[in-house]
C-alpha cells in the first residue's frame, strides 16, 4: 500500500489542529496561527510537487494568474523555508520595496521559483563560516513590472556552470542532493508567466 506524502500528512495534521481550536475555542492563539501557516504551506508544497511531476507533460489548461502582493509571498516563503535546517546558520535579509505594485502571476509558480533560488543559495553557502552565510532577497519596481533579486555570499559559479544553469538535469551537486531540474522548472514557470530570469 502507498503511504501519504509528507506534505499531505502535514496538511492533515494542521487541519486537525484547526478543527480542535474551532471545537474547544481555548487553544493557544500562537499554535492556532502556526497551524494555519503549516496548512497554507503544505498545500503550496503539494501543488508544487504536482507541477514538478507534470513538468514534462503538456498541460490542457493553464493555471489562472491573479493580482498578487509579491512582497507578501516572499515573506511567507522565506518564513516557511527557514524551518529547513540548511537555513539555521544563514542570515536571511528581506529588502522589500514598500511601494511595489501588485502584479499578475500564478502564486504557486512564483513561490516555487523563489524556493528554488533560496535552496540553491543555501547550498552554495554550505560550509561558509566567516563571514557568516547571508542571503538577501530584494524587490524593486522595474520598467513596467517588478524585479526580484536573490543574492548570496556563497561560492558562486564559474563560466561553464553559468552557461548551463538552466539546462535540464544539469547539476554540480553531489548524487542525492540535486536533480538538476530546479532551475529548468524555474525558467519554464517564469517565462510562461511572461517574465524573465537570469
Protein backbone atom coordinates (compact mmCIF):
# COMPACT_ATOMS: atom_id res chain seq x y z
CA UNK A 1 0.00 0.00 0.00
CA UNK A 2 1.16 3.55 -0.74
CA UNK A 3 1.61 5.94 2.16
CA UNK A 4 0.55 9.59 2.07
CA UNK A 5 3.26 12.07 1.06
CA UNK A 6 4.77 14.16 3.92
CA UNK A 7 3.11 17.39 2.73
CA UNK A 8 -0.32 15.70 2.76
CA UNK A 9 0.32 14.40 6.31
CA UNK A 10 1.37 17.90 7.43
CA UNK A 11 -1.75 19.39 5.86
CA UNK A 12 -3.92 16.80 7.59
CA UNK A 13 -2.31 17.48 10.97
CA UNK A 14 -2.75 21.24 10.51
CA UNK A 15 -6.42 20.79 9.60
CA UNK A 16 -6.91 18.67 12.73
CA UNK A 17 -5.24 21.37 14.87
CA UNK A 18 -7.56 23.99 13.34
CA UNK A 19 -10.63 21.81 13.96
CA UNK A 20 -9.62 21.25 17.60
CA UNK A 21 -9.25 25.01 18.01
CA UNK A 22 -12.69 25.59 16.48
CA UNK A 23 -14.22 22.87 18.70
CA UNK A 24 -12.61 23.82 22.01
CA UNK A 25 -12.03 27.51 21.43
CA UNK A 26 -9.29 27.70 24.06
CA UNK A 27 -6.24 26.60 22.11
CA UNK A 28 -3.28 28.98 22.40
CA UNK A 29 -3.54 31.60 19.63
CA UNK A 30 0.15 31.15 18.76
CA UNK A 31 -0.41 27.45 17.99
CA UNK A 32 -3.57 28.26 16.03
CA UNK A 33 -1.59 30.67 13.84
CA UNK A 34 1.15 28.06 13.34
CA UNK A 35 -1.49 25.53 12.24
CA UNK A 36 -2.74 27.98 9.61
CA UNK A 37 0.85 28.60 8.35
CA UNK A 38 1.51 24.84 8.17
CA UNK A 39 -1.73 24.23 6.29
CA UNK A 40 -1.11 27.03 3.78
CA UNK A 41 2.49 25.98 3.12
CA UNK A 42 1.76 22.24 2.96
CA UNK A 43 -0.98 22.93 0.43
CA UNK A 44 1.51 25.00 -1.58
CA UNK A 45 4.11 22.22 -1.41
CA UNK A 46 1.54 19.68 -2.68
CA UNK A 47 0.71 21.98 -5.60
CA UNK A 48 4.40 22.49 -6.38
CA UNK A 49 5.05 18.72 -6.23
CA UNK A 50 2.19 18.14 -8.64
CA UNK A 51 3.59 20.79 -11.01
CA UNK A 52 7.07 19.20 -10.96
CA UNK A 53 5.61 15.77 -11.74
CA UNK A 54 3.67 17.28 -14.65
CA UNK A 55 6.63 19.34 -15.90
CA UNK A 56 7.38 17.16 -18.92
CA UNK A 57 3.74 16.70 -19.94
CA UNK A 58 1.77 19.25 -21.97
CA UNK A 59 -0.96 20.83 -19.87
CA UNK A 60 -4.51 21.08 -21.25
CA UNK A 61 -5.35 24.06 -19.06
CA UNK A 62 -3.15 26.92 -17.90
CA UNK A 63 -3.32 28.00 -14.22
CA UNK A 64 -5.02 31.35 -13.78
CA UNK A 65 -2.83 34.32 -12.89
CA UNK A 66 -4.05 36.55 -10.07
CA UNK A 67 -3.17 40.03 -8.86
CA UNK A 68 -0.58 39.28 -6.16
CA UNK A 69 1.36 41.04 -3.43
CA UNK A 70 4.85 39.76 -4.31
CA UNK A 71 6.39 41.07 -1.07
CA UNK A 72 3.87 39.10 0.98
CA UNK A 73 4.58 35.91 -0.99
CA UNK A 74 8.32 36.38 -0.42
CA UNK A 75 7.83 36.91 3.34
CA UNK A 76 5.70 33.78 3.55
CA UNK A 77 8.15 31.68 1.50
CA UNK A 78 11.17 32.90 3.50
CA UNK A 79 9.39 32.13 6.79
CA UNK A 80 8.42 28.65 5.60
CA UNK A 81 11.84 27.73 4.24
CA UNK A 82 13.59 28.96 7.39
CA UNK A 83 12.43 25.71 9.06
CA UNK A 84 14.76 23.81 6.70
CA UNK A 85 17.94 23.03 8.69
CA UNK A 86 20.11 24.32 5.82
CA UNK A 87 18.95 27.82 6.77
CA UNK A 88 19.64 27.59 10.51
CA UNK A 89 23.10 29.17 10.16
CA UNK A 90 22.18 31.63 7.37
CA UNK A 91 21.22 35.27 7.87
CA UNK A 92 18.16 35.88 5.69
CA UNK A 93 17.64 39.55 4.84
CA UNK A 94 14.47 40.88 3.19
CA UNK A 95 14.96 44.19 1.40
CA UNK A 96 11.45 44.69 0.02
CA UNK A 97 10.24 47.87 -1.68
CA UNK A 98 7.13 49.04 0.20
CA UNK A 99 5.91 50.84 -2.96
CA UNK A 100 5.92 47.67 -5.05
CA UNK A 101 2.80 47.38 -7.22
CA UNK A 102 0.70 44.22 -7.29
CA UNK A 103 1.40 42.06 -10.35
CA UNK A 104 -0.43 39.31 -12.20
CA UNK A 105 1.20 35.94 -11.57
CA UNK A 106 0.44 32.37 -10.50
CA UNK A 107 1.21 32.33 -6.78
CA UNK A 108 2.38 28.70 -6.56
CA UNK A 109 4.66 29.21 -9.58
CA UNK A 110 6.26 32.30 -8.07
CA UNK A 111 6.71 30.57 -4.70
CA UNK A 112 8.36 27.59 -6.39
CA UNK A 113 10.84 29.81 -8.24
CA UNK A 114 11.77 31.69 -5.04
CA UNK A 115 12.17 28.42 -3.12
CA UNK A 116 14.46 27.02 -5.84
CA UNK A 117 16.61 30.16 -5.73
CA UNK A 118 16.82 30.11 -1.93
CA UNK A 119 17.73 26.41 -1.79
CA UNK A 120 20.47 26.92 -4.39
CA UNK A 121 21.76 29.93 -2.44
CA UNK A 122 21.82 27.88 0.78
CA UNK A 123 23.65 25.01 -0.92
CA UNK A 124 26.21 27.45 -2.37
CA UNK A 125 26.79 28.85 1.13
CA UNK A 126 27.31 25.45 2.78
CA UNK A 127 30.48 25.32 4.87
CA UNK A 128 30.97 29.11 4.98
CA UNK A 129 31.76 30.36 8.48
CA UNK A 130 33.48 33.73 8.22
CA UNK A 131 31.78 35.81 7.11
CA UNK A 132 28.54 34.13 8.14
CA UNK A 133 26.37 32.90 5.22
CA UNK A 134 23.91 35.56 4.07
CA UNK A 135 21.04 35.59 1.59
CA UNK A 136 19.36 38.85 0.58
CA UNK A 137 16.00 38.93 -1.21
CA UNK A 138 15.26 42.32 -2.74
CA UNK A 139 12.31 43.70 -4.68
CA UNK A 140 12.02 46.89 -6.68
CA UNK A 141 9.94 48.48 -9.41
CA UNK A 142 11.45 47.73 -12.81
CA UNK A 143 10.26 49.03 -16.17
CA UNK A 144 6.53 48.13 -16.18
CA UNK A 145 6.89 45.28 -13.72
CA UNK A 146 8.77 44.06 -10.68
CA UNK A 147 12.38 42.94 -10.20
CA UNK A 148 13.12 40.24 -7.62
CA UNK A 149 16.78 39.60 -6.79
CA UNK A 150 18.23 36.79 -4.67
CA UNK A 151 21.86 37.38 -3.67
CA UNK A 152 24.13 35.16 -1.58
CA UNK A 153 27.76 35.22 -0.44
CA UNK A 154 28.35 31.58 -1.35
CA UNK A 155 30.85 30.03 -3.75
CA UNK A 156 29.36 31.42 -6.96
CA UNK A 157 29.53 29.82 -10.41
CA UNK A 158 32.27 29.54 -12.99
CA UNK A 159 31.50 30.49 -16.60
CA UNK A 160 30.78 26.90 -17.72
CA UNK A 161 28.28 26.36 -14.91
CA UNK A 162 26.68 29.76 -15.51
CA UNK A 163 26.15 28.93 -19.19
CA UNK A 164 24.44 25.65 -18.30
CA UNK A 165 22.46 26.69 -15.19
CA UNK A 166 19.03 26.44 -16.89
CA UNK A 167 19.85 23.19 -18.67
CA UNK A 168 17.51 20.38 -17.63
CA UNK A 169 19.20 17.71 -15.43
CA UNK A 170 22.48 19.65 -15.24
CA UNK A 171 23.74 19.91 -11.66
CA UNK A 172 27.02 20.46 -9.84
CA UNK A 173 25.58 18.98 -6.64
CA UNK A 174 26.59 15.51 -5.44
CA UNK A 175 24.36 12.49 -6.05
CA UNK A 176 21.24 12.59 -3.93
CA UNK A 177 21.45 16.33 -3.27
CA UNK A 178 20.17 17.78 -6.54
CA UNK A 179 18.28 16.56 -9.60
CA UNK A 180 19.16 19.41 -11.95
CA UNK A 181 15.54 20.34 -12.69
CA UNK A 182 15.02 23.20 -10.20
CA UNK A 183 16.37 25.99 -12.39
CA UNK A 184 14.94 24.49 -15.59
CA UNK A 185 11.50 24.44 -13.96
CA UNK A 186 12.05 27.98 -12.63
CA UNK A 187 12.88 29.27 -16.12
CA UNK A 188 9.88 27.50 -17.64
CA UNK A 189 7.46 28.85 -15.00
CA UNK A 190 8.87 32.39 -15.14
CA UNK A 191 8.71 32.59 -18.93
CA UNK A 192 5.23 31.02 -19.02
CA UNK A 193 4.11 33.92 -16.82
CA UNK A 194 5.61 36.49 -19.18
CA UNK A 195 8.71 37.16 -17.08
CA UNK A 196 12.44 36.62 -17.48
CA UNK A 197 15.04 35.02 -15.21
CA UNK A 198 18.82 35.43 -15.26
